[in-house]
C-alpha cells in the first residue's frame, strides 16, 4: 500500500477545505469538515516525507 495520496483525491480534499474555510455561515459542521480534511492531508504529507 502506498503512502502517497492520489493527486485527484488531494485536490478534492483541498477544494473541500477551501469551501469550508470560506463558508459565510461557518457552523460547527464546517469546522469539523475543515479539520478532518486537514488531518487527512497532514497524515499523508507526513507519510510522504518519511518515505
PDB file of N, CA and C in Angstrom:
ATOM      1  N   UNK A   1       0.837  -1.184   0.000  1.00  0.00           N
ATOM      2  CA  UNK A   1       0.000   0.000   0.000  1.00  0.00           C
ATOM      3  C   UNK A   1       0.881   1.246   0.000  1.00  0.00           C
ATOM      4  N   UNK A   2       0.520   2.191  -0.797  1.00  0.00           N
ATOM      5  CA  UNK A   2       1.306   3.404  -0.945  1.00  0.00           C
ATOM      6  C   UNK A   2       0.969   4.420   0.140  1.00  0.00           C
ATOM      7  N   UNK A   3       1.982   5.162   0.546  1.00  0.00           N
ATOM      8  CA  UNK A   3       1.772   6.255   1.489  1.00  0.00           C
ATOM      9  C   UNK A   3       1.403   7.544   0.776  1.00  0.00           C
ATOM     10  N   UNK A   4       1.352   7.507  -0.541  1.00  0.00           N
ATOM     11  CA  UNK A   4       1.052   8.701  -1.329  1.00  0.00           C
ATOM     12  C   UNK A   4      -0.443   8.789  -1.592  1.00  0.00           C
ATOM     13  N   UNK A   5      -0.977   9.962  -1.402  1.00  0.00           N
ATOM     14  CA  UNK A   5      -2.391  10.187  -1.694  1.00  0.00           C
ATOM     15  C   UNK A   5      -2.489  10.571  -3.174  1.00  0.00           C
ATOM     16  N   UNK A   6      -3.413   9.969  -3.899  1.00  0.00           N
ATOM     17  CA  UNK A   6      -3.546  10.312  -5.322  1.00  0.00           C
ATOM     18  C   UNK A   6      -3.815  11.805  -5.510  1.00  0.00           C
ATOM     19  N   UNK A   7      -3.238  12.365  -6.563  1.00  0.00           N
ATOM     20  CA  UNK A   7      -3.355  13.803  -6.820  1.00  0.00           C
ATOM     21  C   UNK A   7      -4.808  14.258  -6.894  1.00  0.00           C
ATOM     22  N   UNK A   8      -5.658  13.481  -7.560  1.00  0.00           N
ATOM     23  CA  UNK A   8      -7.058  13.897  -7.686  1.00  0.00           C
ATOM     24  C   UNK A   8      -7.770  13.902  -6.337  1.00  0.00           C
ATOM     25  N   UNK A   9      -7.424  12.970  -5.462  1.00  0.00           N
ATOM     26  CA  UNK A   9      -8.017  12.934  -4.120  1.00  0.00           C
ATOM     27  C   UNK A   9      -7.523  14.136  -3.314  1.00  0.00           C
ATOM     28  N   UNK A  10      -6.232  14.428  -3.411  1.00  0.00           N
ATOM     29  CA  UNK A  10      -5.672  15.584  -2.711  1.00  0.00           C
ATOM     30  C   UNK A  10      -6.374  16.869  -3.156  1.00  0.00           C
ATOM     31  N   UNK A  11      -6.583  17.011  -4.462  1.00  0.00           N
ATOM     32  CA  UNK A  11      -7.235  18.211  -4.992  1.00  0.00           C
ATOM     33  C   UNK A  11      -8.664  18.351  -4.470  1.00  0.00           C
ATOM     34  N   UNK A  12      -9.385  17.243  -4.387  1.00  0.00           N
ATOM     35  CA  UNK A  12     -10.755  17.280  -3.858  1.00  0.00           C
ATOM     36  C   UNK A  12     -10.741  17.689  -2.387  1.00  0.00           C
ATOM     37  N   UNK A  13      -9.853  17.101  -1.603  1.00  0.00           N
ATOM     38  CA  UNK A  13      -9.774  17.449  -0.184  1.00  0.00           C
ATOM     39  C   UNK A  13      -9.405  18.916   0.006  1.00  0.00           C
ATOM     40  N   UNK A  14      -8.476  19.412  -0.806  1.00  0.00           N
ATOM     41  CA  UNK A  14      -8.088  20.817  -0.708  1.00  0.00           C
ATOM     42  C   UNK A  14      -9.245  21.733  -1.100  1.00  0.00           C
ATOM     43  N   UNK A  15     -10.023  21.338  -2.097  1.00  0.00           N
ATOM     44  CA  UNK A  15     -11.191  22.125  -2.506  1.00  0.00           C
ATOM     45  C   UNK A  15     -12.235  22.153  -1.385  1.00  0.00           C
ATOM     46  N   UNK A  16     -12.457  21.010  -0.744  1.00  0.00           N
ATOM     47  CA  UNK A  16     -13.386  20.950   0.390  1.00  0.00           C
ATOM     48  C   UNK A  16     -12.910  21.885   1.499  1.00  0.00           C
ATOM     49  N   UNK A  17     -11.604  21.864   1.777  1.00  0.00           N
ATOM     50  CA  UNK A  17     -11.047  22.764   2.789  1.00  0.00           C
ATOM     51  C   UNK A  17     -11.288  24.220   2.417  1.00  0.00           C
ATOM     52  N   UNK A  18     -11.033  24.564   1.163  1.00  0.00           N
ATOM     53  CA  UNK A  18     -11.239  25.943   0.706  1.00  0.00           C
ATOM     54  C   UNK A  18     -12.694  26.363   0.890  1.00  0.00           C
ATOM     55  N   UNK A  19     -13.610  25.484   0.521  1.00  0.00           N
ATOM     56  CA  UNK A  19     -15.033  25.794   0.669  1.00  0.00           C
ATOM     57  C   UNK A  19     -15.417  25.943   2.141  1.00  0.00           C
ATOM     58  N   UNK A  20     -14.898  25.062   2.977  1.00  0.00           N
ATOM     59  CA  UNK A  20     -15.202  25.133   4.408  1.00  0.00           C
ATOM     60  C   UNK A  20     -14.639  26.411   5.021  1.00  0.00           C
ATOM     61  N   UNK A  21     -13.445  26.793   4.604  1.00  0.00           N
ATOM     62  CA  UNK A  21     -12.809  27.990   5.154  1.00  0.00           C
ATOM     63  C   UNK A  21     -13.534  29.263   4.741  1.00  0.00           C
ATOM     64  N   UNK A  22     -14.203  29.228   3.595  1.00  0.00           N
ATOM     65  CA  UNK A  22     -14.860  30.442   3.103  1.00  0.00           C
ATOM     66  C   UNK A  22     -16.375  30.441   3.325  1.00  0.00           C
ATOM     67  N   UNK A  23     -16.906  29.447   4.043  1.00  0.00           N
ATOM     68  CA  UNK A  23     -18.351  29.370   4.296  1.00  0.00           C
ATOM     69  C   UNK A  23     -18.787  30.544   5.172  1.00  0.00           C
ATOM     70  N   UNK A  24     -19.738  31.319   4.688  1.00  0.00           N
ATOM     71  CA  UNK A  24     -20.174  32.511   5.422  1.00  0.00           C
ATOM     72  C   UNK A  24     -20.945  32.171   6.697  1.00  0.00           C
ATOM     73  N   UNK A  25     -21.580  31.012   6.757  1.00  0.00           N
ATOM     74  CA  UNK A  25     -22.326  30.620   7.955  1.00  0.00           C
ATOM     75  C   UNK A  25     -21.420  30.017   9.017  1.00  0.00           C
ATOM     76  N   UNK A  26     -20.348  29.409   8.601  1.00  0.00           N
ATOM     77  CA  UNK A  26     -19.298  28.842   9.455  1.00  0.00           C
ATOM     78  C   UNK A  26     -19.845  28.100  10.685  1.00  0.00           C
ATOM     79  N   UNK A  27     -20.596  27.060  10.434  1.00  0.00           N
ATOM     80  CA  UNK A  27     -21.163  26.250  11.511  1.00  0.00           C
ATOM     81  C   UNK A  27     -20.109  25.300  12.078  1.00  0.00           C
ATOM     82  N   UNK A  28     -20.461  24.617  13.149  1.00  0.00           N
ATOM     83  CA  UNK A  28     -19.556  23.625  13.740  1.00  0.00           C
ATOM     84  C   UNK A  28     -19.263  22.502  12.751  1.00  0.00           C
ATOM     85  N   UNK A  29     -20.239  22.136  11.932  1.00  0.00           N
ATOM     86  CA  UNK A  29     -20.021  21.091  10.932  1.00  0.00           C
ATOM     87  C   UNK A  29     -18.950  21.507   9.939  1.00  0.00           C
ATOM     88  N   UNK A  30     -18.960  22.766   9.550  1.00  0.00           N
ATOM     89  CA  UNK A  30     -17.955  23.267   8.617  1.00  0.00           C
ATOM     90  C   UNK A  30     -16.574  23.195   9.263  1.00  0.00           C
ATOM     91  N   UNK A  31     -16.480  23.581  10.527  1.00  0.00           N
ATOM     92  CA  UNK A  31     -15.205  23.478  11.243  1.00  0.00           C
ATOM     93  C   UNK A  31     -14.720  22.033  11.270  1.00  0.00           C
ATOM     94  N   UNK A  32     -15.627  21.116  11.533  1.00  0.00           N
ATOM     95  CA  UNK A  32     -15.270  19.699  11.597  1.00  0.00           C
ATOM     96  C   UNK A  32     -14.802  19.193  10.238  1.00  0.00           C
ATOM     97  N   UNK A  33     -15.487  19.585   9.176  1.00  0.00           N
ATOM     98  CA  UNK A  33     -15.083  19.191   7.820  1.00  0.00           C
ATOM     99  C   UNK A  33     -13.678  19.700   7.530  1.00  0.00           C
ATOM    100  N   UNK A  34     -13.415  20.958   7.867  1.00  0.00           N
ATOM    101  CA  UNK A  34     -12.091  21.533   7.628  1.00  0.00           C
ATOM    102  C   UNK A  34     -11.023  20.738   8.369  1.00  0.00           C
ATOM    103  N   UNK A  35     -11.254  20.457   9.639  1.00  0.00           N
ATOM    104  CA  UNK A  35     -10.252  19.762  10.448  1.00  0.00           C
ATOM    105  C   UNK A  35     -10.065  18.307  10.018  1.00  0.00           C
ATOM    106  N   UNK A  36     -11.123  17.648   9.597  1.00  0.00           N
ATOM    107  CA  UNK A  36     -10.993  16.271   9.113  1.00  0.00           C
ATOM    108  C   UNK A  36     -10.167  16.213   7.833  1.00  0.00           C
ATOM    109  N   UNK A  37     -10.449  17.099   6.900  1.00  0.00           N
ATOM    110  CA  UNK A  37      -9.667  17.102   5.656  1.00  0.00           C
ATOM    111  C   UNK A  37      -8.227  17.499   5.935  1.00  0.00           C
ATOM    112  N   UNK A  38      -8.028  18.441   6.850  1.00  0.00           N
ATOM    113  CA  UNK A  38      -6.673  18.845   7.214  1.00  0.00           C
ATOM    114  C   UNK A  38      -5.911  17.670   7.821  1.00  0.00           C
ATOM    115  N   UNK A  39      -6.590  16.893   8.654  1.00  0.00           N
ATOM    116  CA  UNK A  39      -5.952  15.726   9.257  1.00  0.00           C
ATOM    117  C   UNK A  39      -5.515  14.706   8.225  1.00  0.00           C
ATOM    118  N   UNK A  40      -6.356  14.456   7.236  1.00  0.00           N
ATOM    119  CA  UNK A  40      -6.012  13.502   6.172  1.00  0.00           C
ATOM    120  C   UNK A  40      -4.822  14.016   5.369  1.00  0.00           C
ATOM    121  N   UNK A  41      -4.877  15.279   4.952  1.00  0.00           N
ATOM    122  CA  UNK A  41      -3.783  15.846   4.164  1.00  0.00           C
ATOM    123  C   UNK A  41      -2.478  15.863   4.953  1.00  0.00           C
ATOM    124  N   UNK A  42      -2.539  16.198   6.223  1.00  0.00           N
ATOM    125  CA  UNK A  42      -1.342  16.231   7.065  1.00  0.00           C
ATOM    126  C   UNK A  42      -0.761  14.837   7.246  1.00  0.00           C
ATOM    127  N   UNK A  43      -1.623  13.861   7.489  1.00  0.00           N
ATOM    128  CA  UNK A  43      -1.154  12.486   7.685  1.00  0.00           C
ATOM    129  C   UNK A  43      -0.413  11.986   6.451  1.00  0.00           C
ATOM    130  N   UNK A  44      -0.983  12.216   5.276  1.00  0.00           N
ATOM    131  CA  UNK A  44      -0.333  11.773   4.051  1.00  0.00           C
ATOM    132  C   UNK A  44       0.928  12.569   3.756  1.00  0.00           C
ATOM    133  N   UNK A  45       0.942  13.853   4.067  1.00  0.00           N
ATOM    134  CA  UNK A  45       2.145  14.663   3.855  1.00  0.00           C
ATOM    135  C   UNK A  45       3.283  14.149   4.727  1.00  0.00           C
ATOM    136  N   UNK A  46       2.981  13.796   5.966  1.00  0.00           N
ATOM    137  CA  UNK A  46       3.994  13.249   6.865  1.00  0.00           C
ATOM    138  C   UNK A  46       4.489  11.900   6.364  1.00  0.00           C
ATOM    139  N   UNK A  47       3.588  11.069   5.870  1.00  0.00           N
ATOM    140  CA  UNK A  47       3.968   9.750   5.357  1.00  0.00           C
ATOM    141  C   UNK A  47       4.833   9.888   4.107  1.00  0.00           C
ATOM    142  N   UNK A  48       4.511  10.864   3.253  1.00  0.00           N
ATOM    143  CA  UNK A  48       5.284  11.073   2.028  1.00  0.00           C
ATOM    144  C   UNK A  48       6.690  11.553   2.342  1.00  0.00           C
ATOM    145  N   UNK A  49       6.851  12.420   3.336  1.00  0.00           N
ATOM    146  CA  UNK A  49       8.181  12.920   3.669  1.00  0.00           C
ATOM    147  C   UNK A  49       9.004  11.865   4.397  1.00  0.00           C
ATOM    148  N   UNK A  50       8.340  10.930   5.062  1.00  0.00           N
ATOM    149  CA  UNK A  50       9.042   9.859   5.768  1.00  0.00           C
ATOM    150  C   UNK A  50       9.527   8.768   4.814  1.00  0.00           C
ATOM    151  N   UNK A  51       8.936   8.689   3.619  1.00  0.00           N
ATOM    152  CA  UNK A  51       9.296   7.639   2.659  1.00  0.00           C
ATOM    153  C   UNK A  51      10.593   7.948   1.965  1.00  0.00           C
TER     154      UNK A  51
END
